[in-house]
């Protein structure tokens, strides 16, 4: 089913050019582009490398940082081994982009159970892409609240539970079962 979205005035709705998640070496973990500013894979990878090199020596671990880069606003944050970047046009609202980054990165942090590294990200890549789909659609910001993002992602029927509270209980029971099984067999 295709839903028609009426044309929106750019003034009324911030647009995202891309969302990029890289590891601590600058290698791709998850990326999504919403515009044609970088038409080829090589131009996208060159942009990602440039942004990574420009920001890697900064300390954006406690809160998001912002940089102007190639006529774009890039909002970024590092959590453990992953680097999160959101790019908007030079006239976009920095606060909305930062809020989007905060909600997305918090949701990913929760989904990876505070083990925000390359391995955990690849093991849960489908959840990261579900987060991407919930926060932005065709460049239009849909959601910035981490709890709402998690509710939508976990409500996609990954294990049949609908709410975040049910998911937490289900995760706790699964962890307890694994620990119990290990204690019996050891």
N, C-alpha and C. Protein backbone atom coordinates (compact mmCIF):
# COMPACT_ATOMS: atom_id res chain seq x y z
N UNK A 1 0.84 -1.17 0.00
CA UNK A 1 0.00 0.00 0.00
C UNK A 1 0.89 1.23 0.00
N UNK A 2 0.63 2.14 -0.86
CA UNK A 2 1.41 3.36 -0.96
C UNK A 2 0.56 4.51 -0.42
N UNK A 3 1.14 5.26 0.49
CA UNK A 3 0.44 6.38 1.10
C UNK A 3 0.94 7.66 0.45
N UNK A 4 0.03 8.49 0.05
CA UNK A 4 0.40 9.77 -0.56
C UNK A 4 0.60 10.80 0.55
N UNK A 5 1.77 11.40 0.55
CA UNK A 5 2.07 12.46 1.50
C UNK A 5 2.07 13.77 0.73
N UNK A 6 1.22 14.70 1.10
CA UNK A 6 1.19 15.97 0.38
C UNK A 6 2.51 16.70 0.51
N UNK A 7 2.82 17.48 -0.51
CA UNK A 7 4.05 18.27 -0.49
C UNK A 7 4.01 19.23 0.69
N UNK A 8 5.14 19.31 1.39
CA UNK A 8 5.21 20.18 2.56
C UNK A 8 6.19 21.31 2.28
N UNK A 9 5.91 22.43 2.83
CA UNK A 9 6.81 23.55 2.73
C UNK A 9 8.03 23.27 3.60
N UNK A 10 9.23 23.41 3.03
CA UNK A 10 10.46 23.10 3.77
C UNK A 10 10.58 23.94 5.03
N UNK A 11 9.98 25.10 5.04
CA UNK A 11 10.05 25.94 6.23
C UNK A 11 9.34 25.29 7.41
N UNK A 12 8.29 24.52 7.14
CA UNK A 12 7.48 23.96 8.22
C UNK A 12 7.97 22.61 8.70
N UNK A 13 8.85 21.96 7.96
CA UNK A 13 9.25 20.61 8.31
C UNK A 13 10.75 20.43 8.04
N UNK A 14 11.51 20.15 9.08
CA UNK A 14 12.95 19.95 8.85
C UNK A 14 13.19 18.67 8.05
N UNK A 15 14.19 18.71 7.20
CA UNK A 15 14.53 17.56 6.38
C UNK A 15 15.92 17.04 6.74
N UNK A 16 16.03 15.74 6.79
CA UNK A 16 17.28 15.07 7.10
C UNK A 16 17.87 14.55 5.79
N UNK A 17 19.15 14.78 5.58
CA UNK A 17 19.82 14.28 4.38
C UNK A 17 20.29 12.85 4.56
N UNK A 18 20.76 12.53 5.76
CA UNK A 18 21.19 11.16 6.03
C UNK A 18 21.32 10.94 7.52
N UNK A 19 21.35 9.66 7.88
CA UNK A 19 21.68 9.23 9.24
C UNK A 19 22.78 8.19 9.07
N UNK A 20 23.87 8.38 9.79
CA UNK A 20 25.04 7.52 9.63
C UNK A 20 25.47 7.01 11.00
N UNK A 21 25.72 5.71 11.07
CA UNK A 21 26.30 5.10 12.27
C UNK A 21 27.58 4.42 11.83
N UNK A 22 28.70 4.87 12.40
CA UNK A 22 30.01 4.32 12.08
C UNK A 22 30.63 3.73 13.33
N UNK A 23 31.57 2.82 13.14
CA UNK A 23 32.29 2.29 14.31
C UNK A 23 33.44 3.23 14.65
N UNK A 24 34.23 2.88 15.66
CA UNK A 24 35.30 3.76 16.14
C UNK A 24 36.46 3.88 15.15
N UNK A 25 36.44 3.08 14.08
CA UNK A 25 37.46 3.19 13.03
C UNK A 25 36.93 3.89 11.79
N UNK A 26 35.68 4.31 11.83
CA UNK A 26 35.07 5.01 10.71
C UNK A 26 34.44 4.11 9.69
N UNK A 27 34.25 2.84 10.02
CA UNK A 27 33.63 1.89 9.09
C UNK A 27 32.12 1.89 9.29
N UNK A 28 31.41 1.68 8.19
CA UNK A 28 29.95 1.67 8.19
C UNK A 28 29.37 0.59 9.09
N UNK A 29 28.38 1.00 9.86
CA UNK A 29 27.58 0.05 10.62
C UNK A 29 26.16 0.07 10.05
N UNK A 30 25.54 1.24 10.03
CA UNK A 30 24.20 1.42 9.46
C UNK A 30 24.11 2.83 8.90
N UNK A 31 23.65 2.95 7.68
CA UNK A 31 23.48 4.27 7.07
C UNK A 31 22.19 4.29 6.27
N UNK A 32 21.61 5.47 6.19
CA UNK A 32 20.44 5.68 5.36
C UNK A 32 20.51 7.09 4.80
N UNK A 33 20.40 7.21 3.48
CA UNK A 33 20.41 8.50 2.80
C UNK A 33 19.01 8.81 2.31
N UNK A 34 18.61 10.08 2.49
CA UNK A 34 17.27 10.49 2.12
C UNK A 34 17.25 11.54 1.00
N UNK A 35 18.40 11.81 0.41
CA UNK A 35 18.49 12.79 -0.67
C UNK A 35 19.50 12.28 -1.70
N UNK A 36 19.61 13.01 -2.77
CA UNK A 36 20.50 12.60 -3.86
C UNK A 36 21.76 13.46 -3.94
N UNK A 37 22.13 14.09 -2.82
CA UNK A 37 23.35 14.92 -2.81
C UNK A 37 24.60 14.07 -3.04
N UNK A 38 24.53 12.81 -2.69
CA UNK A 38 25.64 11.88 -2.88
C UNK A 38 25.11 10.74 -3.74
N UNK A 39 25.22 10.86 -5.07
CA UNK A 39 24.53 9.92 -5.96
C UNK A 39 25.12 8.51 -6.05
N UNK A 40 26.37 8.36 -5.71
CA UNK A 40 27.00 7.04 -5.84
C UNK A 40 27.48 6.53 -4.50
N UNK A 41 27.72 5.24 -4.44
CA UNK A 41 28.23 4.63 -3.21
C UNK A 41 29.58 5.24 -2.84
N UNK A 42 30.42 5.47 -3.83
CA UNK A 42 31.74 6.04 -3.53
C UNK A 42 31.64 7.46 -2.98
N UNK A 43 30.69 8.26 -3.48
CA UNK A 43 30.54 9.62 -2.95
C UNK A 43 29.98 9.59 -1.53
N UNK A 44 29.10 8.63 -1.24
CA UNK A 44 28.57 8.47 0.11
C UNK A 44 29.68 8.06 1.07
N UNK A 45 30.49 7.10 0.67
CA UNK A 45 31.58 6.64 1.52
C UNK A 45 32.62 7.74 1.72
N UNK A 46 32.87 8.54 0.71
CA UNK A 46 33.81 9.65 0.84
C UNK A 46 33.29 10.68 1.84
N UNK A 47 31.98 10.97 1.79
CA UNK A 47 31.38 11.90 2.75
C UNK A 47 31.50 11.35 4.16
N UNK A 48 31.17 10.07 4.34
CA UNK A 48 31.25 9.45 5.65
C UNK A 48 32.67 9.50 6.21
N UNK A 49 33.64 9.22 5.38
CA UNK A 49 35.04 9.25 5.82
C UNK A 49 35.45 10.66 6.20
N UNK A 50 35.05 11.63 5.40
CA UNK A 50 35.40 13.03 5.69
C UNK A 50 34.78 13.50 7.00
N UNK A 51 33.51 13.17 7.20
CA UNK A 51 32.83 13.57 8.45
C UNK A 51 33.50 12.89 9.64
N UNK A 52 33.81 11.61 9.50
CA UNK A 52 34.45 10.87 10.59
C UNK A 52 35.81 11.51 10.93
N UNK A 53 36.63 11.77 9.91
CA UNK A 53 37.95 12.35 10.17
C UNK A 53 37.84 13.74 10.79
N UNK A 54 36.85 14.50 10.37
CA UNK A 54 36.67 15.86 10.89
C UNK A 54 36.23 15.86 12.36
N UNK A 55 35.52 14.82 12.79
CA UNK A 55 34.94 14.83 14.12
C UNK A 55 35.59 13.87 15.11
N UNK A 56 36.43 12.97 14.66
CA UNK A 56 36.91 11.90 15.54
C UNK A 56 37.72 12.38 16.74
N UNK A 57 38.35 13.53 16.66
CA UNK A 57 39.16 14.02 17.77
C UNK A 57 38.37 14.86 18.76
N UNK A 58 37.08 15.05 18.48
CA UNK A 58 36.25 15.83 19.41
C UNK A 58 35.74 14.92 20.51
N UNK A 59 35.21 15.53 21.54
CA UNK A 59 34.68 14.76 22.66
C UNK A 59 33.17 14.95 22.73
N UNK A 60 32.45 14.25 21.85
CA UNK A 60 30.99 14.37 21.81
C UNK A 60 30.36 13.18 22.49
N UNK A 61 30.84 12.85 23.67
CA UNK A 61 30.32 11.67 24.37
C UNK A 61 29.21 12.01 25.35
N UNK A 62 29.25 13.16 25.96
CA UNK A 62 28.23 13.48 26.95
C UNK A 62 26.99 14.10 26.31
N UNK A 63 27.18 14.88 25.28
CA UNK A 63 26.05 15.47 24.57
C UNK A 63 26.43 15.68 23.12
N UNK A 64 25.44 15.91 22.30
CA UNK A 64 25.66 16.07 20.86
C UNK A 64 26.48 17.33 20.57
N UNK A 65 27.23 17.25 19.49
CA UNK A 65 27.99 18.40 19.01
C UNK A 65 27.54 18.69 17.59
N UNK A 66 27.81 19.89 17.12
CA UNK A 66 27.35 20.32 15.79
C UNK A 66 28.52 20.92 15.03
N UNK A 67 28.60 20.59 13.74
CA UNK A 67 29.64 21.15 12.89
C UNK A 67 29.03 21.46 11.51
N UNK A 68 29.50 22.53 10.89
CA UNK A 68 29.13 22.82 9.50
C UNK A 68 30.15 22.11 8.62
N UNK A 69 29.65 21.38 7.63
CA UNK A 69 30.54 20.58 6.79
C UNK A 69 29.93 20.48 5.39
N UNK A 70 30.64 20.96 4.38
CA UNK A 70 30.16 20.90 3.00
C UNK A 70 28.75 21.46 2.84
N UNK A 71 28.51 22.64 3.37
CA UNK A 71 27.20 23.30 3.31
C UNK A 71 26.08 22.47 3.96
N UNK A 72 26.44 21.69 4.94
CA UNK A 72 25.48 20.89 5.69
C UNK A 72 25.72 21.08 7.18
N UNK A 73 24.67 20.90 7.95
CA UNK A 73 24.79 20.83 9.40
C UNK A 73 24.92 19.36 9.74
N UNK A 74 25.96 19.01 10.47
CA UNK A 74 26.13 17.64 10.92
C UNK A 74 26.09 17.65 12.44
N UNK A 75 25.12 16.94 13.00
CA UNK A 75 24.98 16.79 14.44
C UNK A 75 25.49 15.39 14.75
N UNK A 76 26.34 15.27 15.76
CA UNK A 76 26.93 13.97 16.03
C UNK A 76 27.14 13.72 17.51
N UNK A 77 27.24 12.43 17.82
CA UNK A 77 27.43 12.01 19.20
C UNK A 77 28.10 10.65 19.16
N UNK A 78 28.98 10.42 20.13
CA UNK A 78 29.66 9.13 20.24
C UNK A 78 29.18 8.43 21.50
N UNK A 79 28.82 7.17 21.36
CA UNK A 79 28.46 6.34 22.51
C UNK A 79 29.33 5.10 22.42
N UNK A 80 30.19 4.94 23.40
CA UNK A 80 31.15 3.84 23.44
C UNK A 80 31.86 3.74 22.10
N UNK A 81 31.68 2.65 21.34
CA UNK A 81 32.41 2.46 20.09
C UNK A 81 31.68 2.92 18.84
N UNK A 82 30.47 3.44 18.98
CA UNK A 82 29.72 3.86 17.81
C UNK A 82 29.63 5.38 17.72
N UNK A 83 29.69 5.86 16.49
CA UNK A 83 29.60 7.29 16.20
C UNK A 83 28.31 7.51 15.41
N UNK A 84 27.44 8.37 15.92
CA UNK A 84 26.13 8.65 15.32
C UNK A 84 26.18 10.03 14.69
N UNK A 85 25.75 10.13 13.43
CA UNK A 85 25.73 11.40 12.70
C UNK A 85 24.37 11.59 12.04
N UNK A 86 23.87 12.83 12.12
CA UNK A 86 22.66 13.19 11.37
C UNK A 86 22.99 14.47 10.61
N UNK A 87 22.71 14.44 9.31
CA UNK A 87 23.04 15.56 8.44
C UNK A 87 21.77 16.24 7.96
N UNK A 88 21.77 17.56 8.01
CA UNK A 88 20.67 18.36 7.48
C UNK A 88 21.23 19.47 6.62
N UNK A 89 20.39 20.14 5.89
CA UNK A 89 20.83 21.28 5.08
C UNK A 89 21.31 22.41 5.96
N UNK A 90 22.01 23.36 5.36
CA UNK A 90 22.59 24.45 6.15
C UNK A 90 21.55 25.37 6.78
N UNK A 91 20.31 25.27 6.36
CA UNK A 91 19.25 26.10 6.95
C UNK A 91 18.33 25.35 7.91
N UNK A 92 18.67 24.11 8.21
CA UNK A 92 17.80 23.31 9.07
C UNK A 92 17.93 23.73 10.54
N UNK A 93 16.94 23.39 11.32
CA UNK A 93 16.91 23.70 12.73
C UNK A 93 17.83 22.73 13.49
N UNK A 94 18.90 23.25 14.04
CA UNK A 94 19.90 22.43 14.74
C UNK A 94 19.31 21.74 15.96
N UNK A 95 18.39 22.39 16.64
CA UNK A 95 17.80 21.80 17.84
C UNK A 95 16.95 20.57 17.51
N UNK A 96 16.23 20.62 16.41
CA UNK A 96 15.43 19.47 16.02
C UNK A 96 16.34 18.32 15.59
N UNK A 97 17.40 18.64 14.84
CA UNK A 97 18.35 17.59 14.44
C UNK A 97 19.03 16.98 15.67
N UNK A 98 19.38 17.82 16.64
CA UNK A 98 20.02 17.31 17.87
C UNK A 98 19.03 16.46 18.67
N UNK A 99 17.77 16.86 18.71
CA UNK A 99 16.75 16.09 19.41
C UNK A 99 16.53 14.74 18.73
N UNK A 100 16.53 14.74 17.41
CA UNK A 100 16.42 13.50 16.65
C UNK A 100 17.60 12.57 16.95
N UNK A 101 18.80 13.13 16.95
CA UNK A 101 19.99 12.35 17.25
C UNK A 101 19.92 11.76 18.66
N UNK A 102 19.49 12.56 19.61
CA UNK A 102 19.40 12.10 21.00
C UNK A 102 18.41 10.94 21.13
N UNK A 103 17.23 11.09 20.56
CA UNK A 103 16.23 10.03 20.63
C UNK A 103 16.67 8.76 19.94
N UNK A 104 17.25 8.90 18.75
CA UNK A 104 17.72 7.73 18.00
C UNK A 104 18.85 7.01 18.73
N UNK A 105 19.84 7.77 19.20
CA UNK A 105 20.99 7.15 19.87
C UNK A 105 20.59 6.51 21.20
N UNK A 106 19.66 7.13 21.95
CA UNK A 106 19.18 6.54 23.20
C UNK A 106 18.43 5.23 22.92
N UNK A 107 17.63 5.21 21.87
CA UNK A 107 16.89 4.00 21.52
C UNK A 107 17.85 2.87 21.16
N UNK A 108 18.87 3.19 20.36
CA UNK A 108 19.86 2.18 19.98
C UNK A 108 20.63 1.71 21.21
N UNK A 109 21.00 2.62 22.07
CA UNK A 109 21.72 2.27 23.30
C UNK A 109 20.89 1.29 24.13
N UNK A 110 19.60 1.55 24.26
CA UNK A 110 18.73 0.65 25.02
C UNK A 110 18.63 -0.72 24.33
N UNK A 111 18.41 -0.71 23.02
CA UNK A 111 18.26 -1.97 22.28
C UNK A 111 19.51 -2.83 22.34
N UNK A 112 20.68 -2.18 22.41
CA UNK A 112 21.94 -2.92 22.49
C UNK A 112 22.30 -3.23 23.94
N UNK A 113 21.40 -2.93 24.86
CA UNK A 113 21.56 -3.20 26.29
C UNK A 113 22.85 -2.57 26.84
N UNK A 114 23.07 -1.33 26.46
CA UNK A 114 24.23 -0.53 26.90
C UNK A 114 25.56 -1.12 26.47
N UNK A 115 25.57 -2.03 25.50
CA UNK A 115 26.81 -2.56 24.91
C UNK A 115 26.90 -2.01 23.50
N UNK A 116 27.21 -0.72 23.40
CA UNK A 116 27.17 -0.03 22.12
C UNK A 116 28.53 -0.19 21.44
N UNK A 117 28.65 -1.32 20.74
CA UNK A 117 29.88 -1.59 19.99
C UNK A 117 29.52 -2.22 18.66
N UNK A 118 30.52 -2.37 17.82
CA UNK A 118 30.32 -2.87 16.46
C UNK A 118 29.66 -4.25 16.47
N UNK A 119 30.15 -5.15 17.29
CA UNK A 119 29.62 -6.51 17.32
C UNK A 119 28.15 -6.53 17.72
N UNK A 120 27.82 -5.85 18.80
CA UNK A 120 26.42 -5.80 19.26
C UNK A 120 25.54 -5.15 18.20
N UNK A 121 26.06 -4.12 17.54
CA UNK A 121 25.29 -3.44 16.50
C UNK A 121 24.99 -4.39 15.34
N UNK A 122 25.99 -5.15 14.90
CA UNK A 122 25.75 -6.07 13.79
C UNK A 122 24.83 -7.22 14.20
N UNK A 123 24.90 -7.65 15.45
CA UNK A 123 24.00 -8.70 15.92
C UNK A 123 22.56 -8.21 16.01
N UNK A 124 22.37 -6.91 16.12
CA UNK A 124 21.03 -6.32 16.24
C UNK A 124 20.75 -5.31 15.14
N UNK A 125 21.35 -5.54 13.99
CA UNK A 125 21.24 -4.58 12.89
C UNK A 125 19.79 -4.34 12.46
N UNK A 126 18.97 -5.39 12.49
CA UNK A 126 17.57 -5.22 12.09
C UNK A 126 16.85 -4.26 13.01
N UNK A 127 17.18 -4.27 14.31
CA UNK A 127 16.56 -3.33 15.25
C UNK A 127 17.02 -1.90 14.99
N UNK A 128 18.29 -1.74 14.64
CA UNK A 128 18.81 -0.40 14.33
C UNK A 128 18.09 0.16 13.10
N UNK A 129 17.92 -0.69 12.07
CA UNK A 129 17.22 -0.22 10.88
C UNK A 129 15.73 0.04 11.15
N UNK A 130 15.12 -0.72 12.04
CA UNK A 130 13.75 -0.41 12.44
C UNK A 130 13.69 0.96 13.12
N UNK A 131 14.69 1.26 13.94
CA UNK A 131 14.76 2.59 14.57
C UNK A 131 14.87 3.68 13.50
N UNK A 132 15.74 3.45 12.52
CA UNK A 132 15.89 4.43 11.44
C UNK A 132 14.55 4.66 10.73
N UNK A 133 13.82 3.58 10.48
CA UNK A 133 12.54 3.71 9.80
C UNK A 133 11.50 4.43 10.64
N UNK A 134 11.61 4.34 11.96
CA UNK A 134 10.66 5.00 12.84
C UNK A 134 10.96 6.48 13.06
N UNK A 135 12.22 6.90 12.89
CA UNK A 135 12.56 8.30 13.18
C UNK A 135 12.46 9.21 11.96
N UNK A 136 12.72 8.66 10.78
CA UNK A 136 12.72 9.49 9.56
C UNK A 136 12.10 8.70 8.42
N UNK A 137 11.28 9.37 7.62
CA UNK A 137 10.72 8.78 6.42
C UNK A 137 10.93 9.75 5.27
N UNK A 138 11.66 9.31 4.27
CA UNK A 138 11.98 10.13 3.10
C UNK A 138 12.53 11.50 3.49
N UNK A 139 13.29 11.53 4.58
CA UNK A 139 13.92 12.77 5.02
C UNK A 139 13.10 13.58 6.01
N UNK A 140 11.85 13.20 6.22
CA UNK A 140 10.97 13.94 7.12
C UNK A 140 11.05 13.32 8.51
N UNK A 141 11.29 14.17 9.51
CA UNK A 141 11.41 13.71 10.89
C UNK A 141 10.03 13.27 11.38
N UNK A 142 9.96 12.01 11.85
CA UNK A 142 8.71 11.47 12.37
C UNK A 142 8.66 11.45 13.88
N UNK A 143 9.79 11.12 14.51
CA UNK A 143 9.81 10.92 15.96
C UNK A 143 11.18 11.26 16.52
N UNK A 144 11.18 11.90 17.69
CA UNK A 144 12.45 12.24 18.36
C UNK A 144 12.54 11.68 19.77
N UNK A 145 11.45 11.16 20.29
CA UNK A 145 11.41 10.66 21.66
C UNK A 145 11.86 9.20 21.70
N UNK A 146 12.91 8.90 22.48
CA UNK A 146 13.47 7.55 22.54
C UNK A 146 12.44 6.52 22.99
N UNK A 147 11.63 6.85 23.97
CA UNK A 147 10.64 5.88 24.47
C UNK A 147 9.62 5.56 23.39
N UNK A 148 9.17 6.56 22.67
CA UNK A 148 8.21 6.34 21.59
C UNK A 148 8.84 5.51 20.46
N UNK A 149 10.09 5.77 20.17
CA UNK A 149 10.81 5.00 19.14
C UNK A 149 10.87 3.54 19.57
N UNK A 150 11.24 3.31 20.82
CA UNK A 150 11.33 1.94 21.33
C UNK A 150 9.98 1.24 21.31
N UNK A 151 8.94 1.93 21.72
CA UNK A 151 7.60 1.34 21.71
C UNK A 151 7.23 0.89 20.29
N UNK A 152 7.55 1.72 19.30
CA UNK A 152 7.22 1.37 17.92
C UNK A 152 8.08 0.22 17.42
N UNK A 153 9.37 0.25 17.71
CA UNK A 153 10.27 -0.80 17.25
C UNK A 153 9.93 -2.13 17.91
N UNK A 154 9.76 -2.12 19.21
CA UNK A 154 9.48 -3.36 19.93
C UNK A 154 8.05 -3.83 19.70
N UNK A 155 7.19 -2.93 19.26
CA UNK A 155 5.82 -3.29 18.96
C UNK A 155 5.65 -3.90 17.58
N UNK A 156 6.73 -4.03 16.82
CA UNK A 156 6.65 -4.63 15.49
C UNK A 156 6.52 -6.13 15.54
N UNK A 157 6.29 -6.68 16.72
CA UNK A 157 6.05 -8.11 16.83
C UNK A 157 7.32 -8.94 16.80
N UNK A 158 8.41 -8.39 17.28
CA UNK A 158 9.66 -9.15 17.26
C UNK A 158 9.55 -10.42 18.09
N UNK A 159 8.84 -10.37 19.19
CA UNK A 159 8.63 -11.58 19.98
C UNK A 159 7.18 -11.68 20.46
N UNK A 160 6.32 -10.93 19.83
CA UNK A 160 4.91 -11.03 20.17
C UNK A 160 4.46 -10.06 21.24
N UNK A 161 5.37 -9.37 21.91
CA UNK A 161 4.94 -8.44 22.96
C UNK A 161 4.75 -7.06 22.36
N UNK A 162 3.78 -6.34 22.87
CA UNK A 162 3.45 -5.07 22.26
C UNK A 162 4.03 -3.87 22.94
N UNK A 163 4.20 -3.88 24.25
CA UNK A 163 4.63 -2.66 24.92
C UNK A 163 6.06 -2.79 25.42
N UNK A 164 6.64 -1.65 25.73
CA UNK A 164 8.00 -1.62 26.26
C UNK A 164 8.06 -2.34 27.60
N UNK A 165 7.07 -2.18 28.44
CA UNK A 165 7.06 -2.86 29.74
C UNK A 165 7.02 -4.38 29.55
N UNK A 166 6.17 -4.84 28.62
CA UNK A 166 6.12 -6.28 28.34
C UNK A 166 7.45 -6.78 27.80
N UNK A 167 8.09 -5.98 26.95
CA UNK A 167 9.39 -6.36 26.39
C UNK A 167 10.43 -6.48 27.49
N UNK A 168 10.42 -5.55 28.46
CA UNK A 168 11.38 -5.62 29.56
C UNK A 168 11.19 -6.89 30.38
N UNK A 169 9.94 -7.23 30.67
CA UNK A 169 9.65 -8.45 31.42
C UNK A 169 10.10 -9.67 30.62
N UNK A 170 9.80 -9.68 29.35
CA UNK A 170 10.19 -10.79 28.49
C UNK A 170 11.71 -10.94 28.45
N UNK A 171 12.43 -9.83 28.33
CA UNK A 171 13.90 -9.86 28.33
C UNK A 171 14.43 -10.36 29.66
N UNK A 172 13.84 -9.92 30.76
CA UNK A 172 14.29 -10.35 32.08
C UNK A 172 14.07 -11.85 32.25
N UNK A 173 12.92 -12.35 31.82
CA UNK A 173 12.65 -13.78 31.91
C UNK A 173 13.61 -14.60 31.05
N UNK A 174 13.89 -14.12 29.86
CA UNK A 174 14.83 -14.83 28.97
C UNK A 174 16.21 -14.88 29.58
N UNK A 175 16.66 -13.77 30.17
CA UNK A 175 17.97 -13.73 30.82
C UNK A 175 18.01 -14.67 32.02
N UNK A 176 16.97 -14.65 32.83
CA UNK A 176 16.91 -15.55 34.00
C UNK A 176 16.92 -17.01 33.56
N UNK A 177 16.21 -17.32 32.50
CA UNK A 177 16.18 -18.70 32.00
C UNK A 177 17.57 -19.14 31.54
N UNK A 178 18.27 -18.26 30.82
CA UNK A 178 19.64 -18.58 30.36
C UNK A 178 20.56 -18.82 31.55
N UNK A 179 20.49 -17.95 32.56
CA UNK A 179 21.34 -18.10 33.74
C UNK A 179 21.01 -19.39 34.50
N UNK A 180 19.73 -19.69 34.62
CA UNK A 180 19.30 -20.91 35.29
C UNK A 180 19.82 -22.15 34.55
N UNK A 181 19.67 -22.12 33.24
CA UNK A 181 20.13 -23.26 32.42
C UNK A 181 21.65 -23.44 32.56
N UNK A 182 22.38 -22.35 32.54
CA UNK A 182 23.85 -22.43 32.71
C UNK A 182 24.21 -23.01 34.07
N UNK A 183 23.48 -22.59 35.12
CA UNK A 183 23.81 -23.08 36.46
C UNK A 183 23.51 -24.57 36.61
N UNK A 184 22.53 -25.07 35.91
CA UNK A 184 22.21 -26.50 35.96
C UNK A 184 23.26 -27.33 35.22
N UNK A 185 23.69 -26.83 34.06
CA UNK A 185 24.62 -27.60 33.24
C UNK A 185 26.07 -27.42 33.61
N UNK A 186 26.39 -26.50 34.49
CA UNK A 186 27.78 -26.28 34.90
C UNK A 186 28.12 -26.99 36.15
